[in-house]
Amino acid sequence: MSARPRACAPPRPRARAARTARTVEEARPRAQLERRVDLTLLRDRAHYDTLVMGAVAKARVSVWIATANVKELRIEAPVGSRARARGRYMSFLDLLDALAARGVELRLLHAGVPSRAFRAELRRRPRSPIEMRRCPRVHLKMIAVDGALLYLGSANLTGAGLGAKGEGRRNFEAGVLTDDDLLLDEMQATFDAIWTGAECKGCRLRPLCPAPLDQIEKSRCAGGRDGR
């Protein structure tokens, strides 16, 4: 995959050199994919420890998140800080601020209206660290990090799903983490097709859609504002 977008094409995360670039149509996900791959099972608290504070916090190129629901979630303050010593927590958006400052591309594809608390955290910032686009049909829960790690599972971008909730309060969640090239290509192509509006033309819910993504992409390509 190219590290830089072509004219009016969405930027893609840089992947390993062995990966072959393919168009969205060529990489269209198949209805059924049968093969053996290496997976790591994540359950409950492991979503926070391994996925959020492990993979996402260490991202260097890109983080693409797909979720049905978006709520404010809290994470532990950095190790060694006074806030951590005092047992304090910070917003997940603070982590995204730090990633954006390092040049990491951040995308959030979601279905529902973000919670009031999440929107309040966004308003505290002069600029959102993450580009957001909404599609009411999105129900997949996916996180792709650097084009190298893929999470697929049950957890939404919520405190009870991915945050530092105490035991006995968090959701029961399960998912898998993999570095498999084919699964990464398939799911990043799926994400990209939704993100750029390639799925909008045949969508039967288009009349109810608050902002069709093909129109957002068309506006962006014409020099207008994107879905941020």
Protein backbone atom coordinates (compact mmCIF):
# COMPACT_ATOMS: atom_id res chain seq x y z
CA MET A 1 0.00 0.00 0.00
CA SER A 2 1.14 3.49 -0.74
CA ALA A 3 2.06 5.77 2.14
CA ARG A 4 0.68 8.81 0.28
CA PRO A 5 -2.80 9.15 -1.27
CA ARG A 6 -3.21 9.61 -4.99
CA ALA A 7 -5.29 12.54 -6.20
CA CYS A 8 -8.53 12.61 -4.28
CA ALA A 9 -7.97 9.12 -2.86
CA PRO A 10 -8.19 8.46 0.91
CA PRO A 11 -4.85 7.85 2.63
CA ARG A 12 -4.17 4.24 3.49
CA PRO A 13 -2.02 2.99 6.36
CA ARG A 14 1.49 1.91 5.40
CA ALA A 15 1.74 -1.86 5.51
CA ARG A 16 4.57 -4.30 5.25
CA ALA A 17 6.49 -4.27 1.96
CA ALA A 18 5.30 -7.73 0.99
CA ARG A 19 1.67 -6.60 0.82
CA THR A 20 0.36 -5.95 -2.70
CA ALA A 21 -1.70 -2.82 -3.34
CA ARG A 22 -5.22 -3.56 -4.51
CA THR A 23 -8.23 -1.40 -5.36
CA VAL A 24 -11.33 -1.49 -3.20
CA GLU A 25 -13.17 -3.50 -5.84
CA GLU A 26 -10.36 -6.04 -6.17
CA ALA A 27 -10.15 -6.41 -2.40
CA ARG A 28 -13.91 -6.62 -1.91
CA PRO A 29 -14.51 -8.88 1.09
CA ARG A 30 -15.86 -12.29 0.24
CA ALA A 31 -18.98 -13.55 1.98
CA GLN A 32 -17.00 -16.48 3.32
CA LEU A 33 -13.28 -16.77 3.94
CA GLU A 34 -11.92 -20.19 4.89
CA ARG A 35 -8.27 -20.47 5.92
CA ARG A 36 -6.08 -21.08 8.95
CA VAL A 37 -4.57 -18.04 10.66
CA ASP A 38 -2.80 -17.18 13.90
CA LEU A 39 -5.12 -15.43 16.36
CA THR A 40 -4.87 -14.16 19.92
CA LEU A 41 -8.10 -14.35 21.92
CA LEU A 42 -8.98 -11.24 23.92
CA ARG A 43 -11.55 -11.48 26.68
CA ASP A 44 -12.91 -8.78 28.98
CA ARG A 45 -10.02 -6.80 30.59
CA ALA A 46 -7.59 -7.92 27.87
CA HIS A 47 -9.36 -5.52 25.50
CA TYR A 48 -8.06 -2.64 27.59
CA ASP A 49 -4.61 -3.99 28.47
CA THR A 50 -3.63 -5.59 25.14
CA LEU A 51 -5.65 -3.66 22.57
CA VAL A 52 -6.04 -0.09 23.89
CA MET A 53 -2.94 0.40 26.04
CA GLY A 54 -0.88 -2.04 24.02
CA ALA A 55 -1.55 -1.84 20.28
CA VAL A 56 -3.41 1.48 19.96
CA ALA A 57 -1.22 3.44 22.38
CA LYS A 58 1.89 2.33 20.47
CA ALA A 59 0.57 3.14 16.98
CA ARG A 60 3.05 4.87 14.68
CA VAL A 61 1.15 5.21 11.37
CA SER A 62 -2.60 4.78 11.63
CA VAL A 63 -5.54 3.65 13.75
CA TRP A 64 -8.85 2.86 12.04
CA ILE A 65 -11.78 2.16 14.39
CA ALA A 66 -15.25 0.90 13.43
CA THR A 67 -17.92 0.73 16.12
CA ALA A 68 -21.67 0.81 16.51
CA ASN A 69 -21.65 2.98 19.64
CA VAL A 70 -19.31 5.75 20.75
CA LYS A 71 -19.10 6.77 24.40
CA GLU A 72 -16.54 8.56 26.53
CA LEU A 73 -14.10 6.05 27.98
CA ARG A 74 -11.40 6.54 30.56
CA ILE A 75 -7.88 5.18 30.63
CA GLU A 76 -5.18 5.19 33.27
CA ALA A 77 -2.79 8.14 33.39
CA PRO A 78 0.73 7.45 32.04
CA VAL A 79 3.01 5.28 34.15
CA GLY A 80 5.37 7.40 36.26
CA SER A 81 3.11 10.47 36.28
CA ARG A 82 1.76 12.05 39.45
CA ALA A 83 -1.75 11.48 38.17
CA ARG A 84 -1.03 7.74 37.89
CA ALA A 85 0.39 7.68 41.42
CA ARG A 86 -2.81 9.28 42.64
CA GLY A 87 -4.95 6.74 40.79
CA ARG A 88 -6.37 9.26 38.35
CA TYR A 89 -7.78 8.55 34.92
CA MET A 90 -7.90 10.54 31.70
CA SER A 91 -10.00 10.55 28.55
CA PHE A 92 -9.25 8.20 25.68
CA LEU A 93 -9.26 11.37 23.57
CA ASP A 94 -6.16 12.52 25.47
CA LEU A 95 -4.39 9.43 24.13
CA LEU A 96 -5.64 10.24 20.63
CA ASP A 97 -4.33 13.81 21.03
CA ALA A 98 -0.87 12.38 21.72
CA LEU A 99 -1.08 10.03 18.73
CA ALA A 100 -2.24 12.82 16.42
CA ALA A 101 0.66 14.98 17.60
CA ARG A 102 2.99 12.19 16.45
CA GLY A 103 1.39 12.23 13.00
CA VAL A 104 -0.72 9.08 13.39
CA GLU A 105 -3.73 9.00 11.07
CA LEU A 106 -6.90 8.45 13.15
CA ARG A 107 -10.29 7.47 11.73
CA LEU A 108 -13.52 6.59 13.48
CA LEU A 109 -16.42 5.02 11.59
CA HIS A 110 -19.55 4.81 13.75
CA ALA A 111 -23.30 4.24 13.57
CA GLY A 112 -24.90 6.08 16.49
CA VAL A 113 -24.65 9.64 17.74
CA PRO A 114 -21.73 9.81 20.20
CA SER A 115 -22.66 10.16 23.85
CA ARG A 116 -23.05 13.57 25.47
CA ALA A 117 -19.89 13.03 27.55
CA PHE A 118 -17.84 12.13 24.46
CA ARG A 119 -19.11 15.21 22.61
CA ALA A 120 -18.26 17.37 25.61
CA GLU A 121 -14.69 16.05 25.59
CA LEU A 122 -14.42 16.84 21.89
CA ARG A 123 -15.63 20.40 22.43
CA ARG A 124 -12.85 20.99 24.96
CA ARG A 125 -10.34 20.66 22.13
CA PRO A 126 -9.58 23.32 19.51
CA ARG A 127 -9.50 20.53 16.93
CA SER A 128 -10.64 16.93 17.01
CA PRO A 129 -7.69 14.52 16.94
CA ILE A 130 -9.73 11.97 14.99
CA GLU A 131 -11.65 12.15 11.74
CA MET A 132 -15.18 10.80 12.21
CA ARG A 133 -17.75 9.60 9.71
CA ARG A 134 -21.15 8.13 10.46
CA CYS A 135 -23.03 5.31 8.72
CA PRO A 136 -26.18 3.97 10.44
CA ARG A 137 -25.53 0.49 9.03
CA VAL A 138 -22.18 0.06 10.75
CA HIS A 139 -22.35 -2.65 13.37
CA LEU A 140 -18.90 -4.19 12.97
CA LYS A 141 -16.39 -3.70 15.77
CA MET A 142 -12.95 -3.43 14.26
CA ILE A 143 -9.63 -1.74 15.02
CA ALA A 144 -6.73 -1.78 12.55
CA VAL A 145 -3.38 -0.48 13.80
CA ASP A 146 -0.58 0.52 11.41
CA GLY A 147 -1.91 -1.84 8.75
CA ALA A 148 -0.23 -4.55 10.81
CA LEU A 149 -2.63 -5.58 13.59
CA LEU A 150 -6.37 -6.25 13.32
CA TYR A 151 -8.96 -6.59 16.09
CA LEU A 152 -12.37 -8.10 15.36
CA GLY A 153 -14.80 -8.75 18.18
CA SER A 154 -17.72 -7.61 20.25
CA ALA A 155 -16.37 -4.47 21.95
CA ASN A 156 -17.72 -1.05 21.05
CA LEU A 157 -15.78 2.16 21.65
CA THR A 158 -17.24 2.59 25.13
CA GLY A 159 -15.95 2.58 28.67
CA ALA A 160 -17.58 -0.74 29.46
CA GLY A 161 -16.16 -2.28 26.31
CA LEU A 162 -12.63 -0.90 25.98
CA GLY A 163 -12.02 1.37 28.96
CA ALA A 164 -10.44 0.88 32.36
CA LYS A 165 -13.65 -0.21 34.06
CA GLY A 166 -13.26 -2.06 37.32
CA GLU A 167 -13.84 -5.78 37.44
CA GLY A 168 -17.47 -6.59 38.03
CA ARG A 169 -18.55 -3.52 36.05
CA ARG A 170 -17.15 -3.97 32.56
CA ASN A 171 -18.97 -5.82 29.80
CA PHE A 172 -18.27 -9.43 29.04
CA GLU A 173 -16.46 -9.06 25.71
CA ALA A 174 -14.60 -11.38 23.36
CA GLY A 175 -12.58 -10.79 20.23
CA VAL A 176 -9.46 -11.80 18.33
CA LEU A 177 -6.24 -9.98 17.44
CA THR A 178 -4.21 -11.00 14.40
CA ASP A 179 -1.41 -9.82 12.14
CA ASP A 180 -2.66 -11.90 9.20
CA ASP A 181 -2.12 -10.02 5.92
CA LEU A 182 -5.19 -11.34 4.12
CA LEU A 183 -7.58 -10.55 6.95
CA LEU A 184 -6.05 -7.07 7.27
CA ASP A 185 -6.51 -6.45 3.54
CA GLU A 186 -10.08 -7.74 3.56
CA MET A 187 -11.21 -5.72 6.56
CA GLN A 188 -9.35 -2.54 5.65
CA ALA A 189 -10.99 -2.75 2.21
CA THR A 190 -14.36 -3.16 3.92
CA PHE A 191 -13.70 -0.14 6.13
CA ASP A 192 -12.45 1.91 3.17
CA ALA A 193 -15.48 1.06 1.02
CA ILE A 194 -17.85 2.31 3.72
CA TRP A 195 -15.67 5.32 4.58
CA THR A 196 -15.45 6.59 0.99
CA GLY A 197 -19.14 6.01 0.22
CA ALA A 198 -18.61 3.13 -2.19
CA GLU A 199 -21.47 1.29 -0.46
CA CYS A 200 -23.88 4.24 -0.57
CA LYS A 201 -25.23 3.90 -4.10
CA GLY A 202 -27.12 0.65 -3.49
CA CYS A 203 -28.02 1.36 0.14
CA ARG A 204 -31.75 1.03 0.81
CA LEU A 205 -31.46 3.15 3.93
CA ARG A 206 -30.05 6.13 2.05
CA PRO A 207 -33.27 8.21 2.43
CA LEU A 208 -32.86 7.93 6.22
CA CYS A 209 -29.12 8.60 6.27
CA PRO A 210 -28.15 11.86 8.04
CA ALA A 211 -25.16 12.44 5.73
CA PRO A 212 -24.44 9.98 2.89
CA LEU A 213 -20.72 9.31 2.84
CA ASP A 214 -20.41 9.45 -0.94
CA GLN A 215 -21.52 13.08 -0.76
CA ILE A 216 -18.99 13.81 1.98
CA GLU A 217 -16.24 12.24 -0.13
CA LYS A 218 -17.38 14.17 -3.21
CA SER A 219 -17.30 17.41 -1.23
CA ARG A 220 -13.83 16.60 0.10
CA CYS A 221 -12.52 15.92 -3.35
CA ALA A 222 -13.98 19.20 -4.56
CA GLY A 223 -12.11 21.04 -1.83
CA GLY A 224 -14.93 21.20 0.72
CA ARG A 225 -14.99 20.05 4.33
CA ASP A 226 -14.79 16.36 5.17
CA GLY A 227 -16.78 14.43 7.76
CA ARG A 228 -14.62 15.50 10.69
